[in-house]
PDB file of N, CA and C in Angstrom:
ATOM      1  N   MET A   1      -4.414 -39.838 -55.254  1.00  0.00           N
ATOM      2  CA  MET A   1      -4.415 -38.485 -54.747  1.00  0.00           C
ATOM      3  C   MET A   1      -4.714 -37.545 -55.914  1.00  0.00           C
ATOM      4  N   GLY A   2      -5.721 -36.718 -55.765  1.00  0.00           N
ATOM      5  CA  GLY A   2      -6.072 -35.771 -56.805  1.00  0.00           C
ATOM      6  C   GLY A   2      -5.287 -34.480 -56.672  1.00  0.00           C
ATOM      7  N   ARG A   3      -5.202 -33.787 -57.801  1.00  0.00           N
ATOM      8  CA  ARG A   3      -4.484 -32.510 -57.789  1.00  0.00           C
ATOM      9  C   ARG A   3      -5.141 -31.492 -56.871  1.00  0.00           C
ATOM     10  N   SER A   4      -6.466 -31.502 -56.835  1.00  0.00           N
ATOM     11  CA  SER A   4      -7.148 -30.510 -55.992  1.00  0.00           C
ATOM     12  C   SER A   4      -6.868 -30.754 -54.506  1.00  0.00           C
ATOM     13  N   GLU A   5      -6.761 -32.009 -54.100  1.00  0.00           N
ATOM     14  CA  GLU A   5      -6.452 -32.311 -52.704  1.00  0.00           C
ATOM     15  C   GLU A   5      -5.023 -31.882 -52.361  1.00  0.00           C
ATOM     16  N   LYS A   6      -4.105 -32.115 -53.294  1.00  0.00           N
ATOM     17  CA  LYS A   6      -2.716 -31.692 -53.061  1.00  0.00           C
ATOM     18  C   LYS A   6      -2.621 -30.172 -53.034  1.00  0.00           C
ATOM     19  N   ARG A   7      -3.335 -29.510 -53.923  1.00  0.00           N
ATOM     20  CA  ARG A   7      -3.347 -28.044 -53.951  1.00  0.00           C
ATOM     21  C   ARG A   7      -3.914 -27.503 -52.634  1.00  0.00           C
ATOM     22  N   GLU A   8      -4.953 -28.150 -52.135  1.00  0.00           N
ATOM     23  CA  GLU A   8      -5.550 -27.746 -50.851  1.00  0.00           C
ATOM     24  C   GLU A   8      -4.539 -27.914 -49.716  1.00  0.00           C
ATOM     25  N   LEU A   9      -3.755 -28.977 -49.739  1.00  0.00           N
ATOM     26  CA  LEU A   9      -2.721 -29.180 -48.728  1.00  0.00           C
ATOM     27  C   LEU A   9      -1.717 -28.036 -48.761  1.00  0.00           C
ATOM     28  N   VAL A  10      -1.248 -27.674 -49.935  1.00  0.00           N
ATOM     29  CA  VAL A  10      -0.262 -26.594 -50.059  1.00  0.00           C
ATOM     30  C   VAL A  10      -0.853 -25.272 -49.569  1.00  0.00           C
ATOM     31  N   ILE A  11      -2.097 -24.998 -49.930  1.00  0.00           N
ATOM     32  CA  ILE A  11      -2.748 -23.759 -49.477  1.00  0.00           C
ATOM     33  C   ILE A  11      -2.826 -23.730 -47.959  1.00  0.00           C
ATOM     34  N   ARG A  12      -3.228 -24.826 -47.368  1.00  0.00           N
ATOM     35  CA  ARG A  12      -3.315 -24.882 -45.900  1.00  0.00           C
ATOM     36  C   ARG A  12      -1.936 -24.756 -45.264  1.00  0.00           C
ATOM     37  N   LEU A  13      -0.929 -25.298 -45.948  1.00  0.00           N
ATOM     38  CA  LEU A  13       0.438 -25.224 -45.424  1.00  0.00           C
ATOM     39  C   LEU A  13       1.053 -23.839 -45.589  1.00  0.00           C
ATOM     40  N   GLU A  14       0.473 -22.986 -46.370  1.00  0.00           N
ATOM     41  CA  GLU A  14       0.959 -21.608 -46.447  1.00  0.00           C
ATOM     42  C   GLU A  14       0.613 -20.847 -45.173  1.00  0.00           C
ATOM     43  N   VAL A  15      -0.527 -21.149 -44.612  1.00  0.00           N
ATOM     44  CA  VAL A  15      -1.037 -20.394 -43.470  1.00  0.00           C
ATOM     45  C   VAL A  15      -0.262 -20.701 -42.193  1.00  0.00           C
ATOM     46  N   LEU A  16      -0.043 -21.958 -41.903  1.00  0.00           N
ATOM     47  CA  LEU A  16       0.619 -22.312 -40.644  1.00  0.00           C
ATOM     48  C   LEU A  16       2.029 -21.735 -40.529  1.00  0.00           C
ATOM     49  N   PRO A  17       2.924 -21.931 -41.499  1.00  0.00           N
ATOM     50  CA  PRO A  17       4.254 -21.331 -41.348  1.00  0.00           C
ATOM     51  C   PRO A  17       4.217 -19.803 -41.327  1.00  0.00           C
ATOM     52  N   MET A  18       3.277 -19.213 -42.062  1.00  0.00           N
ATOM     53  CA  MET A  18       3.172 -17.753 -42.052  1.00  0.00           C
ATOM     54  C   MET A  18       2.857 -17.260 -40.642  1.00  0.00           C
ATOM     55  N   HIS A  19       1.919 -17.914 -39.979  1.00  0.00           N
ATOM     56  CA  HIS A  19       1.579 -17.523 -38.608  1.00  0.00           C
ATOM     57  C   HIS A  19       2.723 -17.823 -37.637  1.00  0.00           C
ATOM     58  N   LEU A  20       3.420 -18.935 -37.846  1.00  0.00           N
ATOM     59  CA  LEU A  20       4.545 -19.259 -36.967  1.00  0.00           C
ATOM     60  C   LEU A  20       5.689 -18.260 -37.148  1.00  0.00           C
ATOM     61  N   LEU A  21       5.905 -17.809 -38.374  1.00  0.00           N
ATOM     62  CA  LEU A  21       6.924 -16.772 -38.600  1.00  0.00           C
ATOM     63  C   LEU A  21       6.541 -15.473 -37.890  1.00  0.00           C
ATOM     64  N   LYS A  22       5.290 -15.084 -38.026  1.00  0.00           N
ATOM     65  CA  LYS A  22       4.832 -13.864 -37.352  1.00  0.00           C
ATOM     66  C   LYS A  22       4.981 -14.008 -35.836  1.00  0.00           C
ATOM     67  N   TRP A  23       4.664 -15.187 -35.327  1.00  0.00           N
ATOM     68  CA  TRP A  23       4.799 -15.464 -33.896  1.00  0.00           C
ATOM     69  C   TRP A  23       6.252 -15.282 -33.448  1.00  0.00           C
ATOM     70  N   GLN A  24       7.165 -15.840 -34.221  1.00  0.00           N
ATOM     71  CA  GLN A  24       8.573 -15.801 -33.855  1.00  0.00           C
ATOM     72  C   GLN A  24       9.183 -14.408 -34.029  1.00  0.00           C
ATOM     73  N   PHE A  25       8.824 -13.718 -35.093  1.00  0.00           N
ATOM     74  CA  PHE A  25       9.495 -12.464 -35.418  1.00  0.00           C
ATOM     75  C   PHE A  25       8.783 -11.213 -34.908  1.00  0.00           C
ATOM     76  N   GLN A  26       7.594 -11.368 -34.377  1.00  0.00           N
ATOM     77  CA  GLN A  26       6.904 -10.229 -33.771  1.00  0.00           C
ATOM     78  C   GLN A  26       6.361 -10.612 -32.395  1.00  0.00           C
ATOM     79  N   PRO A  27       7.256 -10.941 -31.472  1.00  0.00           N
ATOM     80  CA  PRO A  27       6.789 -11.397 -30.157  1.00  0.00           C
ATOM     81  C   PRO A  27       5.947 -10.358 -29.425  1.00  0.00           C
ATOM     82  N   GLU A  28       6.176  -9.097 -29.705  1.00  0.00           N
ATOM     83  CA  GLU A  28       5.411  -8.048 -29.027  1.00  0.00           C
ATOM     84  C   GLU A  28       3.949  -8.013 -29.471  1.00  0.00           C
ATOM     85  N   ARG A  29       3.612  -8.676 -30.562  1.00  0.00           N
ATOM     86  CA  ARG A  29       2.235  -8.666 -31.063  1.00  0.00           C
ATOM     87  C   ARG A  29       1.496  -9.963 -30.772  1.00  0.00           C
ATOM     88  N   ARG A  30       2.136 -10.883 -30.092  1.00  0.00           N
ATOM     89  CA  ARG A  30       1.501 -12.163 -29.784  1.00  0.00           C
ATOM     90  C   ARG A  30       0.262 -11.942 -28.927  1.00  0.00           C
ATOM     91  N   GLY A  31      -0.705 -12.770 -29.181  1.00  0.00           N
ATOM     92  CA  GLY A  31      -1.927 -12.695 -28.399  1.00  0.00           C
ATOM     93  C   GLY A  31      -2.708 -13.985 -28.516  1.00  0.00           C
ATOM     94  N   ARG A  32      -3.766 -14.042 -27.791  1.00  0.00           N
ATOM     95  CA  ARG A  32      -4.604 -15.242 -27.775  1.00  0.00           C
ATOM     96  C   ARG A  32      -5.167 -15.551 -29.174  1.00  0.00           C
ATOM     97  N   SER A  33      -5.503 -14.513 -29.944  1.00  0.00           N
ATOM     98  CA  SER A  33      -6.079 -14.758 -31.274  1.00  0.00           C
ATOM     99  C   SER A  33      -5.069 -15.452 -32.183  1.00  0.00           C
ATOM    100  N   TRP A  34      -3.788 -15.121 -32.052  1.00  0.00           N
ATOM    101  CA  TRP A  34      -2.762 -15.803 -32.851  1.00  0.00           C
ATOM    102  C   TRP A  34      -2.659 -17.262 -32.437  1.00  0.00           C
ATOM    103  N   GLU A  35      -2.702 -17.518 -31.143  1.00  0.00           N
ATOM    104  CA  GLU A  35      -2.643 -18.910 -30.666  1.00  0.00           C
ATOM    105  C   GLU A  35      -3.804 -19.720 -31.214  1.00  0.00           C
ATOM    106  N   VAL A  36      -4.996 -19.133 -31.189  1.00  0.00           N
ATOM    107  CA  VAL A  36      -6.186 -19.826 -31.683  1.00  0.00           C
ATOM    108  C   VAL A  36      -6.073 -20.061 -33.187  1.00  0.00           C
ATOM    109  N   SER A  37      -5.601 -19.082 -33.918  1.00  0.00           N
ATOM    110  CA  SER A  37      -5.443 -19.218 -35.359  1.00  0.00           C
ATOM    111  C   SER A  37      -4.461 -20.334 -35.706  1.00  0.00           C
ATOM    112  N   ILE A  38      -3.355 -20.386 -35.011  1.00  0.00           N
ATOM    113  CA  ILE A  38      -2.362 -21.434 -35.245  1.00  0.00           C
ATOM    114  C   ILE A  38      -2.952 -22.803 -34.907  1.00  0.00           C
ATOM    115  N   ALA A  39      -3.628 -22.901 -33.770  1.00  0.00           N
ATOM    116  CA  ALA A  39      -4.239 -24.172 -33.371  1.00  0.00           C
ATOM    117  C   ALA A  39      -5.300 -24.609 -34.377  1.00  0.00           C
ATOM    118  N   ASN A  40      -6.121 -23.680 -34.832  1.00  0.00           N
ATOM    119  CA  ASN A  40      -7.157 -24.020 -35.809  1.00  0.00           C
ATOM    120  C   ASN A  40      -6.554 -24.490 -37.128  1.00  0.00           C
ATOM    121  N   ASN A  41      -5.482 -23.848 -37.552  1.00  0.00           N
ATOM    122  CA  ASN A  41      -4.835 -24.269 -38.798  1.00  0.00           C
ATOM    123  C   ASN A  41      -4.206 -25.641 -38.655  1.00  0.00           C
ATOM    124  N   ARG A  42      -3.660 -25.930 -37.496  1.00  0.00           N
ATOM    125  CA  ARG A  42      -3.126 -27.276 -37.259  1.00  0.00           C
ATOM    126  C   ARG A  42      -4.244 -28.303 -37.358  1.00  0.00           C
ATOM    127  N   ASP A  43      -5.381 -28.004 -36.737  1.00  0.00           N
ATOM    128  CA  ASP A  43      -6.527 -28.922 -36.797  1.00  0.00           C
ATOM    129  C   ASP A  43      -6.997 -29.133 -38.230  1.00  0.00           C
ATOM    130  N   LYS A  44      -7.103 -28.057 -39.004  1.00  0.00           N
ATOM    131  CA  LYS A  44      -7.567 -28.161 -40.386  1.00  0.00           C
ATOM    132  C   LYS A  44      -6.614 -28.998 -41.240  1.00  0.00           C
ATOM    133  N   LEU A  45      -5.314 -28.822 -41.007  1.00  0.00           N
ATOM    134  CA  LEU A  45      -4.338 -29.633 -41.738  1.00  0.00           C
ATOM    135  C   LEU A  45      -4.496 -31.113 -41.410  1.00  0.00           C
ATOM    136  N   GLU A  46      -4.595 -31.417 -40.143  1.00  0.00           N
ATOM    137  CA  GLU A  46      -4.729 -32.820 -39.749  1.00  0.00           C
ATOM    138  C   GLU A  46      -6.033 -33.416 -40.255  1.00  0.00           C
ATOM    139  N   GLU A  47      -7.120 -32.642 -40.237  1.00  0.00           N
ATOM    140  CA  GLU A  47      -8.396 -33.133 -40.763  1.00  0.00           C
ATOM    141  C   GLU A  47      -8.279 -33.406 -42.263  1.00  0.00           C
ATOM    142  N   HIS A  48      -7.604 -32.526 -42.981  1.00  0.00           N
ATOM    143  CA  HIS A  48      -7.418 -32.719 -44.421  1.00  0.00           C
ATOM    144  C   HIS A  48      -6.620 -33.994 -44.689  1.00  0.00           C
ATOM    145  N   LEU A  49      -5.620 -34.249 -43.866  1.00  0.00           N
ATOM    146  CA  LEU A  49      -4.822 -35.462 -44.052  1.00  0.00           C
ATOM    147  C   LEU A  49      -5.584 -36.714 -43.637  1.00  0.00           C
ATOM    148  N   LEU A  50      -6.464 -36.592 -42.672  1.00  0.00           N
ATOM    149  CA  LEU A  50      -7.313 -37.741 -42.323  1.00  0.00           C
ATOM    150  C   LEU A  50      -8.255 -38.084 -43.472  1.00  0.00           C
ATOM    151  N   ASP A  51      -8.757 -37.051 -44.149  1.00  0.00           N
ATOM    152  CA  ASP A  51      -9.640 -37.260 -45.295  1.00  0.00           C
ATOM    153  C   ASP A  51      -8.875 -37.739 -46.529  1.00  0.00           C
ATOM    154  N   ASN A  52      -7.580 -37.433 -46.579  1.00  0.00           N
ATOM    155  CA  ASN A  52      -6.737 -37.765 -47.736  1.00  0.00           C
ATOM    156  C   ASN A  52      -5.416 -38.376 -47.261  1.00  0.00           C
ATOM    157  N   PRO A  53      -5.462 -39.587 -46.701  1.00  0.00           N
ATOM    158  CA  PRO A  53      -4.257 -40.166 -46.090  1.00  0.00           C
ATOM    159  C   PRO A  53      -3.085 -40.334 -47.048  1.00  0.00           C
ATOM    160  N   SER A  54      -3.333 -40.439 -48.330  1.00  0.00           N
ATOM    161  CA  SER A  54      -2.228 -40.602 -49.278  1.00  0.00           C
ATOM    162  C   SER A  54      -1.370 -39.337 -49.369  1.00  0.00           C
ATOM    163  N   LEU A  55      -1.883 -38.206 -48.884  1.00  0.00           N
ATOM    164  CA  LEU A  55      -1.119 -36.966 -48.909  1.00  0.00           C
ATOM    165  C   LEU A  55      -0.043 -36.903 -47.825  1.00  0.00           C
ATOM    166  N   ARG A  56      -0.163 -37.733 -46.810  1.00  0.00           N
ATOM    167  CA  ARG A  56       0.770 -37.654 -45.684  1.00  0.00           C
ATOM    168  C   ARG A  56       2.220 -37.778 -46.143  1.00  0.00           C
ATOM    169  N   SER A  57       2.467 -38.578 -47.134  1.00  0.00           N
ATOM    170  CA  SER A  57       3.845 -38.733 -47.626  1.00  0.00           C
ATOM    171  C   SER A  57       4.314 -37.510 -48.415  1.00  0.00           C
ATOM    172  N   GLN A  58       3.411 -36.587 -48.714  1.00  0.00           N
ATOM    173  CA  GLN A  58       3.741 -35.399 -49.486  1.00  0.00           C
ATOM    174  C   GLN A  58       3.956 -34.149 -48.637  1.00  0.00           C
ATOM    175  N   THR A  59       3.843 -34.273 -47.316  1.00  0.00           N
ATOM    176  CA  THR A  59       3.842 -33.071 -46.468  1.00  0.00           C
ATOM    177  C   THR A  59       5.150 -32.285 -46.537  1.00  0.00           C
ATOM    178  N   ASP A  60       6.290 -32.966 -46.493  1.00  0.00           N
ATOM    179  CA  ASP A  60       7.555 -32.225 -46.503  1.00  0.00           C
ATOM    180  C   ASP A  60       7.765 -31.493 -47.824  1.00  0.00           C
ATOM    181  N   ALA A  61       7.426 -32.133 -48.938  1.00  0.00           N
ATOM    182  CA  ALA A  61       7.533 -31.467 -50.238  1.00  0.00           C
ATOM    183  C   ALA A  61       6.547 -30.305 -50.332  1.00  0.00           C
ATOM    184  N   ALA A  62       5.367 -30.490 -49.778  1.00  0.00           N
ATOM    185  CA  ALA A  62       4.362 -29.418 -49.800  1.00  0.00           C
ATOM    186  C   ALA A  62       4.805 -28.229 -48.944  1.00  0.00           C
ATOM    187  N   VAL A  63       5.494 -28.493 -47.841  1.00  0.00           N
ATOM    188  CA  VAL A  63       6.015 -27.408 -46.998  1.00  0.00           C
ATOM    189  C   VAL A  63       6.998 -26.562 -47.798  1.00  0.00           C
ATOM    190  N   VAL A  64       7.869 -27.201 -48.563  1.00  0.00           N
ATOM    191  CA  VAL A  64       8.850 -26.471 -49.371  1.00  0.00           C
ATOM    192  C   VAL A  64       8.132 -25.543 -50.350  1.00  0.00           C
ATOM    193  N   THR A  65       7.128 -26.061 -51.022  1.00  0.00           N
ATOM    194  CA  THR A  65       6.363 -25.268 -51.981  1.00  0.00           C
ATOM    195  C   THR A  65       5.622 -24.134 -51.295  1.00  0.00           C
ATOM    196  N   ALA A  66       4.952 -24.443 -50.207  1.00  0.00           N
ATOM    197  CA  ALA A  66       4.120 -23.458 -49.513  1.00  0.00           C
ATOM    198  C   ALA A  66       4.940 -22.393 -48.805  1.00  0.00           C
ATOM    199  N   TYR A  67       6.121 -22.738 -48.337  1.00  0.00           N
ATOM    200  CA  TYR A  67       6.907 -21.800 -47.533  1.00  0.00           C
ATOM    201  C   TYR A  67       7.300 -20.548 -48.303  1.00  0.00           C
ATOM    202  N   ARG A  68       7.575 -20.678 -49.578  1.00  0.00           N
ATOM    203  CA  ARG A  68       7.933 -19.484 -50.373  1.00  0.00           C
ATOM    204  C   ARG A  68       6.852 -18.420 -50.263  1.00  0.00           C
ATOM    205  N   ARG A  69       5.605 -18.852 -50.407  1.00  0.00           N
ATOM    206  CA  ARG A  69       4.494 -17.899 -50.313  1.00  0.00           C
ATOM    207  C   ARG A  69       4.245 -17.483 -48.869  1.00  0.00           C
ATOM    208  N   ALA A  70       4.412 -18.399 -47.936  1.00  0.00           N
ATOM    209  CA  ALA A  70       4.218 -18.070 -46.518  1.00  0.00           C
ATOM    210  C   ALA A  70       5.209 -17.004 -46.072  1.00  0.00           C
ATOM    211  N   ARG A  71       6.435 -17.135 -46.516  1.00  0.00           N
ATOM    212  CA  ARG A  71       7.486 -16.159 -46.183  1.00  0.00           C
ATOM    213  C   ARG A  71       7.156 -14.786 -46.763  1.00  0.00           C
ATOM    214  N   ARG A  72       6.722 -14.779 -48.006  1.00  0.00           N
ATOM    215  CA  ARG A  72       6.348 -13.527 -48.666  1.00  0.00           C
ATOM    216  C   ARG A  72       5.166 -12.866 -47.950  1.00  0.00           C
ATOM    217  N   GLU A  73       4.181 -13.662 -47.591  1.00  0.00           N
ATOM    218  CA  GLU A  73       2.995 -13.139 -46.903  1.00  0.00           C
ATOM    219  C   GLU A  73       3.346 -12.638 -45.500  1.00  0.00           C
ATOM    220  N   ALA A  74       4.214 -13.356 -44.801  1.00  0.00           N
ATOM    221  CA  ALA A  74       4.649 -12.904 -43.474  1.00  0.00           C
ATOM    222  C   ALA A  74       5.366 -11.565 -43.576  1.00  0.00           C
ATOM    223  N   ALA A  75       6.184 -11.407 -44.603  1.00  0.00           N
ATOM    224  CA  ALA A  75       6.879 -10.130 -44.802  1.00  0.00           C
ATOM    225  C   ALA A  75       5.872  -9.011 -45.043  1.00  0.00           C
ATOM    226  N   LEU A  76       4.891  -9.273 -45.851  1.00  0.00           N
ATOM    227  CA  LEU A  76       3.869  -8.272 -46.137  1.00  0.00           C
ATOM    228  C   LEU A  76       3.092  -7.890 -44.873  1.00  0.00           C
ATOM    229  N   GLU A  77       2.690  -8.886 -44.108  1.00  0.00           N
ATOM    230  CA  GLU A  77       1.862  -8.634 -42.922  1.00  0.00           C
ATOM    231  C   GLU A  77       2.639  -8.027 -41.757  1.00  0.00           C
ATOM    232  N   THR A  78       3.933  -8.269 -41.704  1.00  0.00           N
ATOM    233  CA  THR A  78       4.725  -7.732 -40.593  1.00  0.00           C
ATOM    234  C   THR A  78       5.461  -6.449 -40.950  1.00  0.00           C
ATOM    235  N   ALA A  79       5.504  -6.128 -42.238  1.00  0.00           N
ATOM    236  CA  ALA A  79       6.279  -4.985 -42.748  1.00  0.00           C
ATOM    237  C   ALA A  79       7.783  -5.181 -42.544  1.00  0.00           C
ATOM    238  N   LEU A  80       8.200  -6.421 -42.331  1.00  0.00           N
ATOM    239  CA  LEU A  80       9.619  -6.753 -42.265  1.00  0.00           C
ATOM    240  C   LEU A  80      10.069  -7.157 -43.660  1.00  0.00           C
ATOM    241  N   PRO A  81      11.338  -6.971 -43.976  1.00  0.00           N
ATOM    242  CA  PRO A  81      11.797  -7.421 -45.293  1.00  0.00           C
ATOM    243  C   PRO A  81      11.764  -8.951 -45.362  1.00  0.00           C
ATOM    244  N   GLU A  82      11.501  -9.458 -46.534  1.00  0.00           N
ATOM    245  CA  GLU A  82      11.464 -10.904 -46.712  1.00  0.00           C
ATOM    246  C   GLU A  82      12.772 -11.541 -46.272  1.00  0.00           C
ATOM    247  N   SER A  83      13.872 -10.820 -46.445  1.00  0.00           N
ATOM    248  CA  SER A  83      15.182 -11.338 -46.050  1.00  0.00           C
ATOM    249  C   SER A  83      15.331 -11.500 -44.536  1.00  0.00           C
ATOM    250  N   ALA A  84      14.411 -10.952 -43.762  1.00  0.00           N
ATOM    251  CA  ALA A  84      14.457 -11.111 -42.303  1.00  0.00           C
ATOM    252  C   ALA A  84      14.083 -12.532 -41.886  1.00  0.00           C
ATOM    253  N   PHE A  85      13.406 -13.247 -42.774  1.00  0.00           N
ATOM    254  CA  PHE A  85      12.940 -14.598 -42.470  1.00  0.00           C
ATOM    255  C   PHE A  85      13.867 -15.624 -43.105  1.00  0.00           C
ATOM    256  N   PRO A  86      13.965 -16.805 -42.499  1.00  0.00           N
ATOM    257  CA  PRO A  86      14.811 -17.847 -43.099  1.00  0.00           C
ATOM    258  C   PRO A  86      14.373 -18.143 -44.537  1.00  0.00           C
ATOM    259  N   SER A  87      15.328 -18.408 -45.396  1.00  0.00           N
ATOM    260  CA  SER A  87      14.998 -18.681 -46.793  1.00  0.00           C
ATOM    261  C   SER A  87      14.401 -20.076 -46.979  1.00  0.00           C
ATOM    262  N   VAL A  88      14.652 -20.958 -46.028  1.00  0.00           N
ATOM    263  CA  VAL A  88      14.103 -22.309 -46.034  1.00  0.00           C
ATOM    264  C   VAL A  88      13.293 -22.479 -44.748  1.00  0.00           C
ATOM    265  N   CYS A  89      12.177 -23.138 -44.852  1.00  0.00           N
ATOM    266  CA  CYS A  89      11.324 -23.314 -43.672  1.00  0.00           C
ATOM    267  C   CYS A  89      12.130 -23.963 -42.543  1.00  0.00           C
ATOM    268  N   PRO A  90      12.156 -23.323 -41.379  1.00  0.00           N
ATOM    269  CA  PRO A  90      12.962 -23.848 -40.277  1.00  0.00           C
ATOM    270  C   PRO A  90      12.326 -25.023 -39.536  1.00  0.00           C
ATOM    271  N   TRP A  91      11.102 -25.377 -39.912  1.00  0.00           N
ATOM    272  CA  TRP A  91      10.402 -26.453 -39.216  1.00  0.00           C
ATOM    273  C   TRP A  91       9.923 -27.493 -40.206  1.00  0.00           C
ATOM    274  N   SER A  92       9.997 -28.737 -39.802  1.00  0.00           N
ATOM    275  CA  SER A  92       9.398 -29.803 -40.605  1.00  0.00           C
ATOM    276  C   SER A  92       7.886 -29.784 -40.356  1.00  0.00           C
ATOM    277  N   TYR A  93       7.159 -30.458 -41.211  1.00  0.00           N
ATOM    278  CA  TYR A  93       5.714 -30.570 -40.999  1.00  0.00           C
ATOM    279  C   TYR A  93       5.443 -31.204 -39.638  1.00  0.00           C
ATOM    280  N   ASP A  94       6.152 -32.299 -39.353  1.00  0.00           N
ATOM    281  CA  ASP A  94       5.904 -33.028 -38.107  1.00  0.00           C
ATOM    282  C   ASP A  94       6.152 -32.161 -36.878  1.00  0.00           C
ATOM    283  N   GLU A  95       7.090 -31.256 -36.957  1.00  0.00           N
ATOM    284  CA  GLU A  95       7.367 -30.355 -35.840  1.00  0.00           C
ATOM    285  C   GLU A  95       6.298 -29.259 -35.748  1.00  0.00           C
ATOM    286  N   ALA A  96       6.000 -28.621 -36.867  1.00  0.00           N
ATOM    287  CA  ALA A  96       5.076 -27.488 -36.879  1.00  0.00           C
ATOM    288  C   ALA A  96       3.657 -27.875 -36.486  1.00  0.00           C
ATOM    289  N   ILE A  97       3.285 -29.109 -36.732  1.00  0.00           N
ATOM    290  CA  ILE A  97       1.917 -29.544 -36.466  1.00  0.00           C
ATOM    291  C   ILE A  97       1.680 -29.883 -34.989  1.00  0.00           C
ATOM    292  N   LEU A  98       2.758 -30.059 -34.225  1.00  0.00           N
ATOM    293  CA  LEU A  98       2.615 -30.423 -32.810  1.00  0.00           C
ATOM    294  C   LEU A  98       1.894 -29.320 -32.041  1.00  0.00           C
ATOM    295  N   PRO A  99       0.878 -29.673 -31.264  1.00  0.00           N
ATOM    296  CA  PRO A  99       0.108 -28.661 -30.538  1.00  0.00           C
ATOM    297  C   PRO A  99       0.937 -27.838 -29.552  1.00  0.00           C
ATOM    298  N   ASP A 100       2.003 -28.416 -29.035  1.00  0.00           N
ATOM    299  CA  ASP A 100       2.803 -27.672 -28.055  1.00  0.00           C
ATOM    300  C   ASP A 100       4.055 -27.046 -28.656  1.00  0.00           C
ATOM    301  N   PHE A 101       4.154 -27.028 -29.996  1.00  0.00           N
ATOM    302  CA  PHE A 101       5.302 -26.393 -30.645  1.00  0.00           C
ATOM    303  C   PHE A 101       5.024 -24.918 -30.883  1.00  0.00           C
ATOM    304  N   TRP A 102       5.909 -24.087 -30.370  1.00  0.00           N
ATOM    305  CA  TRP A 102       5.868 -22.640 -30.572  1.00  0.00           C
ATOM    306  C   TRP A 102       7.299 -22.181 -30.775  1.00  0.00           C
ATOM    307  N   PRO A 103       7.605 -21.556 -31.904  1.00  0.00           N
ATOM    308  CA  PRO A 103       8.987 -21.093 -32.124  1.00  0.00           C
ATOM    309  C   PRO A 103       9.449 -20.215 -30.977  1.00  0.00           C
ATOM    310  N   ASP A 104      10.622 -20.474 -30.502  1.00  0.00           N
ATOM    311  CA  ASP A 104      11.316 -19.742 -29.436  1.00  0.00           C
ATOM    312  C   ASP A 104      10.618 -19.773 -28.085  1.00  0.00           C
ATOM    313  N   ARG A 105       9.661 -20.679 -27.911  1.00  0.00           N
ATOM    314  CA  ARG A 105       9.028 -20.835 -26.600  1.00  0.00           C
ATOM    315  C   ARG A 105       9.509 -22.152 -26.025  1.00  0.00           C
ATOM    316  N   VAL A 106       9.955 -22.135 -24.792  1.00  0.00           N
ATOM    317  CA  VAL A 106      10.370 -23.384 -24.142  1.00  0.00           C
ATOM    318  C   VAL A 106       9.110 -24.117 -23.731  1.00  0.00           C
ATOM    319  N   ASN A 107       8.992 -25.365 -24.201  1.00  0.00           N
ATOM    320  CA  ASN A 107       7.784 -26.156 -23.915  1.00  0.00           C
ATOM    321  C   ASN A 107       7.951 -26.983 -22.668  1.00  0.00           C
TER     322      ASN A 107
END
């Protein structure tokens, strides 16, 4: 596993939790474009892992690294204080990647 592939995984993992946080904490702003963005990011993550299968064992550690920035970015984009979001990612990679997973939505 190369450093650039791992770095790419972390970058991609910043986007998905950031969008899921926005989804959960700004329900009044939800729309089809957010759903598409989340679905596309899930697809890109899975494609990256298909191209780099050795990274699959690194997903949970990468989520921890990426979540700090995802939380900060969600705060910036929502104008909510960073403290409004959980300090630790509330979802595992395996949960967040599921196509039918939506925070606070009954599936």
